[in-house]
Every structure is written in C-alpha cells, then in structure tokens.
Amino acid sequence: MSTKKNKIIIISGPTASGKTSTSMLLSHALKQEGLDSAIVNFDSLLFYKELSIGTAKPSKEELETFEHHLVDIVSASSPLNASDFLSRADSTLSKLVSENKIPIFVGGSAFYIRAFVKGMYDSNPISEDLRDKIDKEYKERGIHFIREILEKRDPASFNQLHENDHYRNIRAYEHLMATGEPISQQKQKSDENNPYDFTINRLKDFDIIHIYLDLPKEEHWKIILKRTEEMVANGLVAEVKNLLASGFDGSEKPLGSIGYKETIQFINGEFDSEQDYIERIAISTRQLAKSQRTFFKKVTPKATFHPIDDKNKIVNHTLSAIKEE
C-alpha cells in the first residue's frame, strides 16, 4: 500500500513573468480551501536585506500578509552560495512539513532550483591562494577577461552562462584553473540522469507540482521595460547611492547583478542619459529572461501558463494536483 506523499509547489519562469503575484494568488486560494501554505524564495537577489527596489522584492505589506521564507536573510556583503541555499531550503522544507504547510517555492534562479530538486554537482575544493589570485584578476581585469578564457578552453560553459552571471563564470574559471578541465565536463559526468527531468530527484517523499509561467516575447518586453521604469521612478538610484555611502564599494557579487551594476555605472556618469541607462537595464533583463527561458523550457514535467490570462487555470490546476492521492 502506497503512502500519500507531501506536495511541493514550484513556480518558475523568466524574470518579470509574474511569479511573486502568482505565489500569493495560490497561497490565498489554498487558504480558501482550508490549507495552510508558505512561500519559499529561490530568487538569488531576494536573499539580501539591503536590496529591495532593484530586485522587485515583495512589499512589506505582502511579506506580512503571506508567510515568506528565505527573503532578507543575509547581507549583500556576505553573499549566499548554492550550497548555503540548499542547506537553508532543506531546513525550511522540514519545518513547513512539520507544521503541515504546503511549501510554494518561487523564483527564476535556475541554478538554485536545480540544486534543490536534483542536488549539487560534486565540486573540487579550491585553494585559498588560487581563489585570492582569481579574485585579484577579476577585480583588475574584469569579467570579460575570464569570459575570454572560458570561450577558448570551456566553450560549453561560455555559451551556457550569461555574461552578467559573474558568480558562475568565476566558478567555472576557478574549476578550470584548479583542475585543468572544463567544469562542463564534470557536470556531464555528474549527470547520470537527465538534468532537466524533475521526476528523477532527491525529494523522494514529495510530489512536485511545477507551475511554469511564460508569455509572448513582445508582451514580456513591454512588462520588462515598464518594470524597469518603475524601479527607477521608485528610487533605485537613491537605493544604490545609500548602499555606496554605507560602505559597499560595488564589487560585491550582488551589486554586479542586473539593475545594480548599471545603476553604479549611471552614478559614475557612464551613460549619456537616464533613458540610455533605463534601456540598458531592460535589455540586460531581456537577455537574462532568454537564458532562463532556455533552461526552464527543457525542464519536465511542468504545466505552462500565461501569468495574466490563465490565473483561474493556474488555481484550478494546482488545487486539483494538491488533492490527488
């Protein structure tokens, strides 16, 4: 006789596809059915207490109305890595199960959700001396120097990684310098099963209900541009100026992310106009969305919905899946 499994809801999709609002919609719908739930963030920038406007973080009211986890948990001066995230996610999952709450994992960071569902790749330890040497190279010569080496010696990682994803570009470079082998080869060896098949996972005691949000590219572009304009109008430049005034120097990993990197450049006078600055953030966001879309479209199984047009379908699909034995 089979034992009924606990459910995990995953809401994924490219940046600016309505994941946050969908998570709250589902949390409310579950409550109407007498089911408790909690939202667990796996968007890498929402971990950081100091970053709000440029991350499209839920409002204070939303965070208080709906139970959230893994939001505002560390300082941007001490970036979280995937292993840290996995440890915290597992701890949160255990807590929510013990409280009989349905976890709703929400975010667009493919690397983190893949680690949560499939587990971490084995990683060779990097010596402190080598890490310091690479950190110095990165600060003096920039990400493009690292990308040039990856293009020659690890083209698979070069093509897979977005140029704005400094952390994983540096990690691939570290692995290359430490072992002489491309990290993409190690990943290939580690993947005895399909890395996109979420039916083969480490969460043996759970049924995963995967909601994937997507919308036509032109419609998405308008949303991205509007959201970027709203971030700037709501004080993104002031937020970054305050960060720099409080002791951050801009080299911190989270401040190299889309929106913050360009804002630092804008403050430093590297754009001809505010409109050029806004467009650069929007274009970089669209490029990130393309990369995220490429990953999530390969992931199976999932149910794909339009975040605006399909709200009722999302609720009905999720409730039906929750009630399945």
C-alpha atoms as a PDB file:
ATOM      1  CA  MET A   1       0.000   0.000   0.000  1.00  0.00           C
ATOM      2  CA  SER A   2       1.485   3.333  -1.111  1.00  0.00           C
ATOM      3  CA  THR A   3       1.889   6.179   1.333  1.00  0.00           C
ATOM      4  CA  LYS A   4       0.442   9.545   0.400  1.00  0.00           C
ATOM      5  CA  LYS A   5       3.272  11.956  -0.371  1.00  0.00           C
ATOM      6  CA  ASN A   6       3.575  15.576   0.709  1.00  0.00           C
ATOM      7  CA  LYS A   7       3.277  18.186  -2.035  1.00  0.00           C
ATOM      8  CA  ILE A   8       5.736  20.870  -3.095  1.00  0.00           C
ATOM      9  CA  ILE A   9       4.619  23.617  -5.448  1.00  0.00           C
ATOM     10  CA  ILE A  10       7.313  25.169  -7.635  1.00  0.00           C
ATOM     11  CA  ILE A  11       6.565  28.393  -9.508  1.00  0.00           C
ATOM     12  CA  SER A  12       9.278  29.109 -12.066  1.00  0.00           C
ATOM     13  CA  GLY A  13       9.715  31.255 -15.123  1.00  0.00           C
ATOM     14  CA  PRO A  14      11.830  34.039 -16.578  1.00  0.00           C
ATOM     15  CA  THR A  15      12.344  37.286 -14.708  1.00  0.00           C
ATOM     16  CA  ALA A  16       9.341  39.663 -14.654  1.00  0.00           C
ATOM     17  CA  SER A  17       6.847  36.905 -15.515  1.00  0.00           C
ATOM     18  CA  GLY A  18       4.561  37.368 -12.515  1.00  0.00           C
ATOM     19  CA  LYS A  19       5.918  34.650 -10.216  1.00  0.00           C
ATOM     20  CA  THR A  20       5.553  36.659  -6.993  1.00  0.00           C
ATOM     21  CA  SER A  21       1.931  37.643  -7.628  1.00  0.00           C
ATOM     22  CA  THR A  22       1.121  34.060  -8.686  1.00  0.00           C
ATOM     23  CA  SER A  23       2.593  32.668  -5.467  1.00  0.00           C
ATOM     24  CA  MET A  24       0.353  34.950  -3.416  1.00  0.00           C
ATOM     25  CA  LEU A  25      -2.652  34.099  -5.599  1.00  0.00           C
ATOM     26  CA  LEU A  26      -2.080  30.389  -4.903  1.00  0.00           C
ATOM     27  CA  SER A  27      -1.436  30.919  -1.208  1.00  0.00           C
ATOM     28  CA  HIS A  28      -4.757  32.747  -0.943  1.00  0.00           C
ATOM     29  CA  ALA A  29      -6.576  30.056  -2.970  1.00  0.00           C
ATOM     30  CA  LEU A  30      -5.173  27.314  -0.729  1.00  0.00           C
ATOM     31  CA  LYS A  31      -6.294  29.208   2.364  1.00  0.00           C
ATOM     32  CA  GLN A  32      -9.822  29.369   0.915  1.00  0.00           C
ATOM     33  CA  GLU A  33      -9.680  25.574   0.757  1.00  0.00           C
ATOM     34  CA  GLY A  34      -8.584  25.372   4.392  1.00  0.00           C
ATOM     35  CA  LEU A  35      -4.965  24.550   3.507  1.00  0.00           C
ATOM     36  CA  ASP A  36      -2.001  26.324   5.058  1.00  0.00           C
ATOM     37  CA  SER A  37       0.970  27.235   2.871  1.00  0.00           C
ATOM     38  CA  ALA A  38       4.160  29.292   2.929  1.00  0.00           C
ATOM     39  CA  ILE A  39       6.159  30.912   0.160  1.00  0.00           C
ATOM     40  CA  VAL A  40       9.854  29.963  -0.076  1.00  0.00           C
ATOM     41  CA  ASN A  41      12.046  32.196  -2.221  1.00  0.00           C
ATOM     42  CA  PHE A  42      14.715  30.819  -4.559  1.00  0.00           C
ATOM     43  CA  ASP A  43      15.417  34.060  -6.407  1.00  0.00           C
ATOM     44  CA  SER A  44      19.057  34.757  -5.571  1.00  0.00           C
ATOM     45  CA  LEU A  45      18.758  38.532  -5.067  1.00  0.00           C
ATOM     46  CA  LEU A  46      15.831  38.412  -2.640  1.00  0.00           C
ATOM     47  CA  PHE A  47      18.125  36.816  -0.049  1.00  0.00           C
ATOM     48  CA  TYR A  48      19.757  40.191   0.604  1.00  0.00           C
ATOM     49  CA  LYS A  49      18.448  42.602   3.218  1.00  0.00           C
ATOM     50  CA  GLU A  50      19.828  45.764   1.605  1.00  0.00           C
ATOM     51  CA  LEU A  51      18.486  45.148  -1.912  1.00  0.00           C
ATOM     52  CA  SER A  52      14.819  45.930  -2.465  1.00  0.00           C
ATOM     53  CA  ILE A  53      13.837  48.210  -5.350  1.00  0.00           C
ATOM     54  CA  GLY A  54      16.143  46.653  -7.932  1.00  0.00           C
ATOM     55  CA  THR A  55      15.064  43.123  -7.012  1.00  0.00           C
ATOM     56  CA  ALA A  56      11.287  43.684  -7.262  1.00  0.00           C
ATOM     57  CA  LYS A  57      11.070  42.360  -3.715  1.00  0.00           C
ATOM     58  CA  PRO A  58       7.540  41.857  -2.339  1.00  0.00           C
ATOM     59  CA  SER A  59       6.329  44.857  -0.374  1.00  0.00           C
ATOM     60  CA  LYS A  60       6.440  44.978   3.432  1.00  0.00           C
ATOM     61  CA  GLU A  61       2.662  44.521   3.447  1.00  0.00           C
ATOM     62  CA  GLU A  62       2.879  41.456   1.158  1.00  0.00           C
ATOM     63  CA  LEU A  63       5.633  39.914   3.271  1.00  0.00           C
ATOM     64  CA  GLU A  64       3.465  40.379   6.372  1.00  0.00           C
ATOM     65  CA  THR A  65       0.238  39.157   4.745  1.00  0.00           C
ATOM     66  CA  PHE A  66       1.729  35.968   3.277  1.00  0.00           C
ATOM     67  CA  GLU A  67       4.249  33.839   5.125  1.00  0.00           C
ATOM     68  CA  HIS A  68       7.606  34.105   3.353  1.00  0.00           C
ATOM     69  CA  HIS A  69      10.907  32.315   3.868  1.00  0.00           C
ATOM     70  CA  LEU A  70      14.446  32.944   2.552  1.00  0.00           C
ATOM     71  CA  VAL A  71      13.818  36.646   1.971  1.00  0.00           C
ATOM     72  CA  ASP A  72      16.096  39.221   3.660  1.00  0.00           C
ATOM     73  CA  ILE A  73      18.172  36.511   5.324  1.00  0.00           C
ATOM     74  CA  VAL A  74      21.752  37.743   4.754  1.00  0.00           C
ATOM     75  CA  SER A  75      23.689  40.906   3.974  1.00  0.00           C
ATOM     76  CA  ALA A  76      24.837  41.584   0.420  1.00  0.00           C
ATOM     77  CA  SER A  77      28.327  41.878   1.924  1.00  0.00           C
ATOM     78  CA  SER A  78      28.227  38.110   2.642  1.00  0.00           C
ATOM     79  CA  PRO A  79      26.779  36.505  -0.497  1.00  0.00           C
ATOM     80  CA  LEU A  80      24.962  33.185  -0.250  1.00  0.00           C
ATOM     81  CA  ASN A  81      26.153  30.334  -2.453  1.00  0.00           C
ATOM     82  CA  ALA A  82      24.145  27.394  -3.767  1.00  0.00           C
ATOM     83  CA  SER A  83      25.313  25.080  -1.000  1.00  0.00           C
ATOM     84  CA  ASP A  84      24.197  27.608   1.655  1.00  0.00           C
ATOM     85  CA  PHE A  85      20.859  27.968  -0.103  1.00  0.00           C
ATOM     86  CA  LEU A  86      20.357  24.215  -0.259  1.00  0.00           C
ATOM     87  CA  SER A  87      21.015  23.820   3.461  1.00  0.00           C
ATOM     88  CA  ARG A  88      18.556  26.605   4.318  1.00  0.00           C
ATOM     89  CA  ALA A  89      15.965  25.342   1.841  1.00  0.00           C
ATOM     90  CA  ASP A  90      16.087  21.829   3.303  1.00  0.00           C
ATOM     91  CA  SER A  91      15.754  23.179   6.833  1.00  0.00           C
ATOM     92  CA  THR A  92      12.798  25.357   5.783  1.00  0.00           C
ATOM     93  CA  LEU A  93      11.142  22.447   3.992  1.00  0.00           C
ATOM     94  CA  SER A  94      11.400  20.234   7.087  1.00  0.00           C
ATOM     95  CA  LYS A  95       9.940  22.985   9.268  1.00  0.00           C
ATOM     96  CA  LEU A  96       6.978  23.593   6.945  1.00  0.00           C
ATOM     97  CA  VAL A  97       6.210  19.876   6.644  1.00  0.00           C
ATOM     98  CA  SER A  98       6.232  19.562  10.446  1.00  0.00           C
ATOM     99  CA  GLU A  99       3.741  22.454  10.573  1.00  0.00           C
ATOM    100  CA  ASN A 100       1.548  20.799   7.917  1.00  0.00           C
ATOM    101  CA  LYS A 101       2.053  23.697   5.487  1.00  0.00           C
ATOM    102  CA  ILE A 102       2.368  23.338   1.721  1.00  0.00           C
ATOM    103  CA  PRO A 103       5.662  24.894   0.524  1.00  0.00           C
ATOM    104  CA  ILE A 104       5.448  27.150  -2.535  1.00  0.00           C
ATOM    105  CA  PHE A 105       8.978  27.537  -3.920  1.00  0.00           C
ATOM    106  CA  VAL A 106       9.164  30.633  -6.110  1.00  0.00           C
ATOM    107  CA  GLY A 107      11.878  32.159  -8.261  1.00  0.00           C
ATOM    108  CA  GLY A 108      13.724  32.415 -11.535  1.00  0.00           C
ATOM    109  CA  SER A 109      17.196  31.270 -10.459  1.00  0.00           C
ATOM    110  CA  ALA A 110      17.560  28.046 -12.423  1.00  0.00           C
ATOM    111  CA  PHE A 111      20.832  27.180 -10.678  1.00  0.00           C
ATOM    112  CA  TYR A 112      19.220  27.246  -7.226  1.00  0.00           C
ATOM    113  CA  ILE A 113      16.062  25.342  -8.048  1.00  0.00           C
ATOM    114  CA  ARG A 114      18.074  22.738  -9.941  1.00  0.00           C
ATOM    115  CA  ALA A 115      20.281  22.299  -6.867  1.00  0.00           C
ATOM    116  CA  PHE A 116      17.183  21.977  -4.671  1.00  0.00           C
ATOM    117  CA  VAL A 117      15.471  19.386  -6.855  1.00  0.00           C
ATOM    118  CA  LYS A 118      18.411  17.469  -8.313  1.00  0.00           C
ATOM    119  CA  GLY A 119      21.196  18.059  -5.783  1.00  0.00           C
ATOM    120  CA  MET A 120      24.577  19.752  -6.074  1.00  0.00           C
ATOM    121  CA  TYR A 121      27.286  18.826  -8.526  1.00  0.00           C
ATOM    122  CA  ASP A 122      30.404  17.456  -6.841  1.00  0.00           C
ATOM    123  CA  SER A 123      32.806  20.352  -6.522  1.00  0.00           C
ATOM    124  CA  ASN A 124      36.573  20.221  -6.261  1.00  0.00           C
ATOM    125  CA  PRO A 125      37.933  22.304  -3.386  1.00  0.00           C
ATOM    126  CA  ILE A 126      39.719  25.491  -4.498  1.00  0.00           C
ATOM    127  CA  SER A 127      42.776  26.561  -2.510  1.00  0.00           C
ATOM    128  CA  GLU A 128      42.656  29.941  -0.788  1.00  0.00           C
ATOM    129  CA  ASP A 129      45.757  31.061  -2.717  1.00  0.00           C
ATOM    130  CA  LEU A 130      44.148  30.267  -6.063  1.00  0.00           C
ATOM    131  CA  ARG A 131      40.855  31.864  -5.015  1.00  0.00           C
ATOM    132  CA  ASP A 132      42.693  35.043  -3.957  1.00  0.00           C
ATOM    133  CA  LYS A 133      44.639  35.090  -7.241  1.00  0.00           C
ATOM    134  CA  ILE A 134      41.447  34.735  -9.284  1.00  0.00           C
ATOM    135  CA  ASP A 135      39.655  37.350  -7.191  1.00  0.00           C
ATOM    136  CA  LYS A 136      42.506  39.781  -7.882  1.00  0.00           C
ATOM    137  CA  GLU A 137      42.356  39.023 -11.623  1.00  0.00           C
ATOM    138  CA  TYR A 138      38.602  39.580 -11.624  1.00  0.00           C
ATOM    139  CA  LYS A 139      38.873  42.931  -9.828  1.00  0.00           C
ATOM    140  CA  GLU A 140      41.744  44.153 -12.001  1.00  0.00           C
ATOM    141  CA  ARG A 141      40.757  42.785 -15.405  1.00  0.00           C
ATOM    142  CA  GLY A 142      37.000  42.274 -15.169  1.00  0.00           C
ATOM    143  CA  ILE A 143      34.605  39.529 -16.154  1.00  0.00           C
ATOM    144  CA  HIS A 144      35.450  39.852 -19.865  1.00  0.00           C
ATOM    145  CA  PHE A 145      38.989  38.545 -19.218  1.00  0.00           C
ATOM    146  CA  ILE A 146      37.504  35.467 -17.541  1.00  0.00           C
ATOM    147  CA  ARG A 147      34.924  35.062 -20.309  1.00  0.00           C
ATOM    148  CA  GLU A 148      37.649  35.161 -22.985  1.00  0.00           C
ATOM    149  CA  ILE A 149      39.476  32.252 -21.334  1.00  0.00           C
ATOM    150  CA  LEU A 150      36.240  30.283 -20.954  1.00  0.00           C
ATOM    151  CA  GLU A 151      35.435  30.877 -24.621  1.00  0.00           C
ATOM    152  CA  LYS A 152      38.747  29.252 -25.603  1.00  0.00           C
ATOM    153  CA  ARG A 153      39.001  26.471 -23.015  1.00  0.00           C
ATOM    154  CA  ASP A 154      35.433  25.785 -21.861  1.00  0.00           C
ATOM    155  CA  PRO A 155      33.165  26.895 -24.713  1.00  0.00           C
ATOM    156  CA  ALA A 156      30.230  24.890 -23.338  1.00  0.00           C
ATOM    157  CA  SER A 157      30.220  26.966 -20.133  1.00  0.00           C
ATOM    158  CA  PHE A 158      30.895  30.157 -22.090  1.00  0.00           C
ATOM    159  CA  ASN A 159      27.813  29.577 -24.244  1.00  0.00           C
ATOM    160  CA  GLN A 160      25.625  28.429 -21.351  1.00  0.00           C
ATOM    161  CA  LEU A 161      26.446  31.227 -18.893  1.00  0.00           C
ATOM    162  CA  HIS A 162      25.152  34.775 -19.244  1.00  0.00           C
ATOM    163  CA  GLU A 163      27.892  37.415 -19.109  1.00  0.00           C
ATOM    164  CA  ASN A 164      26.079  39.140 -16.225  1.00  0.00           C
ATOM    165  CA  ASP A 165      26.234  35.962 -14.139  1.00  0.00           C
ATOM    166  CA  HIS A 166      29.634  36.794 -12.668  1.00  0.00           C
ATOM    167  CA  TYR A 167      29.432  34.211  -9.876  1.00  0.00           C
ATOM    168  CA  ARG A 168      29.051  31.157 -12.115  1.00  0.00           C
ATOM    169  CA  ASN A 169      31.506  32.471 -14.724  1.00  0.00           C
ATOM    170  CA  ILE A 170      34.099  32.843 -11.957  1.00  0.00           C
ATOM    171  CA  ARG A 171      33.219  29.406 -10.546  1.00  0.00           C
ATOM    172  CA  ALA A 172      33.751  27.812 -13.996  1.00  0.00           C
ATOM    173  CA  TYR A 173      37.068  29.670 -14.315  1.00  0.00           C
ATOM    174  CA  GLU A 174      38.150  28.552 -10.813  1.00  0.00           C
ATOM    175  CA  HIS A 175      37.416  24.936 -11.678  1.00  0.00           C
ATOM    176  CA  LEU A 176      39.349  25.247 -14.950  1.00  0.00           C
ATOM    177  CA  MET A 177      42.378  26.760 -13.205  1.00  0.00           C
ATOM    178  CA  ALA A 178      42.281  24.226 -10.357  1.00  0.00           C
ATOM    179  CA  THR A 179      41.817  21.046 -12.403  1.00  0.00           C
ATOM    180  CA  GLY A 180      42.734  21.914 -15.985  1.00  0.00           C
ATOM    181  CA  GLU A 181      39.359  20.514 -17.053  1.00  0.00           C
ATOM    182  CA  PRO A 182      36.206  22.366 -18.080  1.00  0.00           C
ATOM    183  CA  ILE A 183      33.522  22.315 -15.402  1.00  0.00           C
ATOM    184  CA  SER A 184      31.072  21.446 -18.187  1.00  0.00           C
ATOM    185  CA  GLN A 185      32.809  18.038 -18.474  1.00  0.00           C
ATOM    186  CA  GLN A 186      32.392  17.436 -14.759  1.00  0.00           C
ATOM    187  CA  LYS A 187      28.724  18.338 -14.969  1.00  0.00           C
ATOM    188  CA  GLN A 188      28.306  15.932 -17.865  1.00  0.00           C
ATOM    189  CA  LYS A 189      29.909  13.146 -15.819  1.00  0.00           C
ATOM    190  CA  SER A 190      27.803  14.033 -12.777  1.00  0.00           C
ATOM    191  CA  ASP A 191      24.543  13.892 -14.684  1.00  0.00           C
ATOM    192  CA  GLU A 192      23.845  10.177 -14.781  1.00  0.00           C
ATOM    193  CA  ASN A 193      20.242  11.189 -15.294  1.00  0.00           C
ATOM    194  CA  ASN A 194      18.732  13.986 -17.340  1.00  0.00           C
ATOM    195  CA  PRO A 195      19.431  17.285 -15.512  1.00  0.00           C
ATOM    196  CA  TYR A 196      16.102  18.635 -16.736  1.00  0.00           C
ATOM    197  CA  ASP A 197      13.984  15.670 -15.630  1.00  0.00           C
ATOM    198  CA  PHE A 198      12.447  16.698 -12.321  1.00  0.00           C
ATOM    199  CA  THR A 199      10.778  13.304 -11.894  1.00  0.00           C
ATOM    200  CA  ILE A 200      14.254  11.968 -11.017  1.00  0.00           C
ATOM    201  CA  ASN A 201      15.112  13.951  -7.921  1.00  0.00           C
ATOM    202  CA  ARG A 202      16.376  13.831  -4.366  1.00  0.00           C
ATOM    203  CA  LEU A 203      12.952  14.770  -2.917  1.00  0.00           C
ATOM    204  CA  LYS A 204      11.743  11.179  -2.685  1.00  0.00           C
ATOM    205  CA  ASP A 205       8.996  11.874  -0.162  1.00  0.00           C
ATOM    206  CA  PHE A 206       7.316  14.625  -2.167  1.00  0.00           C
ATOM    207  CA  ASP A 207       5.176  15.112  -5.238  1.00  0.00           C
ATOM    208  CA  ILE A 208       6.311  18.195  -7.166  1.00  0.00           C
ATOM    209  CA  ILE A 209       3.666  20.418  -8.758  1.00  0.00           C
ATOM    210  CA  HIS A 210       5.622  22.572 -11.195  1.00  0.00           C
ATOM    211  CA  ILE A 211       3.907  25.740 -12.477  1.00  0.00           C
ATOM    212  CA  TYR A 212       5.891  27.422 -15.255  1.00  0.00           C
ATOM    213  CA  LEU A 213       4.945  30.974 -16.243  1.00  0.00           C
ATOM    214  CA  ASP A 214       5.696  32.392 -19.659  1.00  0.00           C
ATOM    215  CA  LEU A 215       4.275  34.887 -22.117  1.00  0.00           C
ATOM    216  CA  PRO A 216       4.952  36.093 -25.677  1.00  0.00           C
ATOM    217  CA  LYS A 217       8.294  37.862 -26.010  1.00  0.00           C
ATOM    218  CA  GLU A 218       6.917  41.191 -27.220  1.00  0.00           C
ATOM    219  CA  GLU A 219       4.378  41.322 -24.401  1.00  0.00           C
ATOM    220  CA  HIS A 220       7.114  40.354 -21.969  1.00  0.00           C
ATOM    221  CA  TRP A 221       9.418  43.101 -23.295  1.00  0.00           C
ATOM    222  CA  LYS A 222       6.782  45.754 -22.554  1.00  0.00           C
ATOM    223  CA  ILE A 223       6.416  44.431 -18.989  1.00  0.00           C
ATOM    224  CA  ILE A 224      10.206  44.407 -18.505  1.00  0.00           C
ATOM    225  CA  LEU A 225      10.533  47.975 -19.779  1.00  0.00           C
ATOM    226  CA  LYS A 226       7.640  49.216 -17.642  1.00  0.00           C
ATOM    227  CA  ARG A 227       9.010  47.490 -14.538  1.00  0.00           C
ATOM    228  CA  THR A 228      12.458  48.988 -15.134  1.00  0.00           C
ATOM    229  CA  GLU A 229      10.984  52.479 -15.489  1.00  0.00           C
ATOM    230  CA  GLU A 230       9.027  51.963 -12.259  1.00  0.00           C
ATOM    231  CA  MET A 231      12.151  50.825 -10.380  1.00  0.00           C
ATOM    232  CA  VAL A 232      13.987  53.983 -11.389  1.00  0.00           C
ATOM    233  CA  ALA A 233      10.955  56.166 -10.595  1.00  0.00           C
ATOM    234  CA  ASN A 234      10.646  54.463  -7.181  1.00  0.00           C
ATOM    235  CA  GLY A 235      14.196  55.381  -6.177  1.00  0.00           C
ATOM    236  CA  LEU A 236      16.639  52.752  -7.464  1.00  0.00           C
ATOM    237  CA  VAL A 237      19.406  55.340  -7.870  1.00  0.00           C
ATOM    238  CA  ALA A 238      18.904  56.594  -4.300  1.00  0.00           C
ATOM    239  CA  GLU A 239      18.925  52.996  -3.014  1.00  0.00           C
ATOM    240  CA  VAL A 240      22.295  52.341  -4.650  1.00  0.00           C
ATOM    241  CA  LYS A 241      23.744  55.687  -3.539  1.00  0.00           C
ATOM    242  CA  ASN A 242      22.771  54.792   0.034  1.00  0.00           C
ATOM    243  CA  LEU A 243      24.468  51.401  -0.318  1.00  0.00           C
ATOM    244  CA  LEU A 244      27.667  53.028  -1.572  1.00  0.00           C
ATOM    245  CA  ALA A 245      27.514  55.615   1.197  1.00  0.00           C
ATOM    246  CA  SER A 246      27.088  52.895   3.833  1.00  0.00           C
ATOM    247  CA  GLY A 247      30.315  51.096   2.958  1.00  0.00           C
ATOM    248  CA  PHE A 248      29.624  48.982  -0.119  1.00  0.00           C
ATOM    249  CA  ASP A 249      32.099  49.605  -2.955  1.00  0.00           C
ATOM    250  CA  GLY A 250      30.200  47.985  -5.831  1.00  0.00           C
ATOM    251  CA  SER A 251      32.491  44.952  -6.163  1.00  0.00           C
ATOM    252  CA  GLU A 252      30.172  42.788  -4.049  1.00  0.00           C
ATOM    253  CA  LYS A 253      28.640  39.934  -6.065  1.00  0.00           C
ATOM    254  CA  PRO A 254      25.005  41.048  -5.572  1.00  0.00           C
ATOM    255  CA  LEU A 255      25.875  44.574  -6.759  1.00  0.00           C
ATOM    256  CA  GLY A 256      27.171  43.110 -10.004  1.00  0.00           C
ATOM    257  CA  SER A 257      23.660  41.907 -10.825  1.00  0.00           C
ATOM    258  CA  ILE A 258      21.347  43.430 -13.410  1.00  0.00           C
ATOM    259  CA  GLY A 259      19.947  46.770 -12.298  1.00  0.00           C
ATOM    260  CA  TYR A 260      22.580  47.405  -9.631  1.00  0.00           C
ATOM    261  CA  LYS A 261      25.575  47.157 -11.962  1.00  0.00           C
ATOM    262  CA  GLU A 262      24.023  49.622 -14.431  1.00  0.00           C
ATOM    263  CA  THR A 263      22.942  51.960 -11.642  1.00  0.00           C
ATOM    264  CA  ILE A 264      26.510  52.160 -10.341  1.00  0.00           C
ATOM    265  CA  GLN A 265      27.622  52.935 -13.895  1.00  0.00           C
ATOM    266  CA  PHE A 266      24.919  55.628 -14.144  1.00  0.00           C
ATOM    267  CA  ILE A 267      26.031  57.200 -10.862  1.00  0.00           C
ATOM    268  CA  ASN A 268      29.586  57.192 -12.220  1.00  0.00           C
ATOM    269  CA  GLY A 269      28.445  59.082 -15.324  1.00  0.00           C
ATOM    270  CA  GLU A 270      28.906  56.201 -17.755  1.00  0.00           C
ATOM    271  CA  PHE A 271      25.565  56.754 -19.547  1.00  0.00           C
ATOM    272  CA  ASP A 272      24.684  59.694 -21.792  1.00  0.00           C
ATOM    273  CA  SER A 273      21.159  59.950 -20.397  1.00  0.00           C
ATOM    274  CA  GLU A 274      18.726  58.400 -17.935  1.00  0.00           C
ATOM    275  CA  GLN A 275      16.852  56.878 -20.863  1.00  0.00           C
ATOM    276  CA  ASP A 276      20.006  55.086 -22.067  1.00  0.00           C
ATOM    277  CA  TYR A 277      20.509  53.800 -18.531  1.00  0.00           C
ATOM    278  CA  ILE A 278      16.918  52.501 -18.302  1.00  0.00           C
ATOM    279  CA  GLU A 279      17.147  50.825 -21.713  1.00  0.00           C
ATOM    280  CA  ARG A 280      20.417  49.109 -20.783  1.00  0.00           C
ATOM    281  CA  ILE A 281      18.833  47.563 -17.659  1.00  0.00           C
ATOM    282  CA  ALA A 282      15.796  46.474 -19.683  1.00  0.00           C
ATOM    283  CA  ILE A 283      17.928  44.929 -22.454  1.00  0.00           C
ATOM    284  CA  SER A 284      20.090  43.056 -19.916  1.00  0.00           C
ATOM    285  CA  THR A 285      16.901  41.851 -18.190  1.00  0.00           C
ATOM    286  CA  ARG A 286      15.542  40.611 -21.514  1.00  0.00           C
ATOM    287  CA  GLN A 287      18.816  38.739 -22.159  1.00  0.00           C
ATOM    288  CA  LEU A 288      18.579  37.133 -18.719  1.00  0.00           C
ATOM    289  CA  ALA A 289      14.947  36.165 -19.403  1.00  0.00           C
ATOM    290  CA  LYS A 290      16.049  34.467 -22.629  1.00  0.00           C
ATOM    291  CA  SER A 291      18.657  32.440 -20.724  1.00  0.00           C
ATOM    292  CA  GLN A 292      16.141  31.460 -18.024  1.00  0.00           C
ATOM    293  CA  ARG A 293      13.554  30.542 -20.658  1.00  0.00           C
ATOM    294  CA  THR A 294      16.082  28.289 -22.404  1.00  0.00           C
ATOM    295  CA  PHE A 295      16.684  26.370 -19.165  1.00  0.00           C
ATOM    296  CA  PHE A 296      13.101  26.076 -17.943  1.00  0.00           C
ATOM    297  CA  LYS A 297      11.698  25.072 -21.333  1.00  0.00           C
ATOM    298  CA  LYS A 298      13.841  21.914 -21.133  1.00  0.00           C
ATOM    299  CA  VAL A 299      12.611  21.048 -17.640  1.00  0.00           C
ATOM    300  CA  THR A 300       9.955  18.348 -17.379  1.00  0.00           C
ATOM    301  CA  PRO A 301       7.365  17.818 -16.131  1.00  0.00           C
ATOM    302  CA  LYS A 302       5.686  21.180 -15.788  1.00  0.00           C
ATOM    303  CA  ALA A 303       2.394  22.870 -16.553  1.00  0.00           C
ATOM    304  CA  THR A 304       2.846  26.078 -18.572  1.00  0.00           C
ATOM    305  CA  PHE A 305       0.557  29.068 -18.107  1.00  0.00           C
ATOM    306  CA  HIS A 306       0.239  32.699 -19.128  1.00  0.00           C
ATOM    307  CA  PRO A 307       0.626  34.617 -15.837  1.00  0.00           C
ATOM    308  CA  ILE A 308      -2.129  37.125 -16.596  1.00  0.00           C
ATOM    309  CA  ASP A 309      -4.620  35.324 -18.841  1.00  0.00           C
ATOM    310  CA  ASP A 310      -4.530  31.944 -17.072  1.00  0.00           C
ATOM    311  CA  LYS A 311      -4.967  32.859 -13.389  1.00  0.00           C
ATOM    312  CA  ASN A 312      -8.068  30.722 -12.933  1.00  0.00           C
ATOM    313  CA  LYS A 313      -6.444  27.813 -14.787  1.00  0.00           C
ATOM    314  CA  ILE A 314      -3.377  28.050 -12.525  1.00  0.00           C
ATOM    315  CA  VAL A 315      -5.525  27.899  -9.393  1.00  0.00           C
ATOM    316  CA  ASN A 316      -7.702  25.044 -10.682  1.00  0.00           C
ATOM    317  CA  HIS A 317      -4.716  23.014 -11.882  1.00  0.00           C
ATOM    318  CA  THR A 318      -2.886  23.437  -8.572  1.00  0.00           C
ATOM    319  CA  LEU A 319      -5.872  22.626  -6.365  1.00  0.00           C
ATOM    320  CA  SER A 320      -6.607  19.537  -8.449  1.00  0.00           C
ATOM    321  CA  ALA A 321      -2.982  18.372  -8.169  1.00  0.00           C
ATOM    322  CA  ILE A 322      -2.933  19.040  -4.399  1.00  0.00           C
ATOM    323  CA  LYS A 323      -5.999  16.845  -3.891  1.00  0.00           C
ATOM    324  CA  GLU A 324      -4.603  13.936  -5.922  1.00  0.00           C
ATOM    325  CA  GLU A 325      -3.583  10.911  -3.857  1.00  0.00           C
END
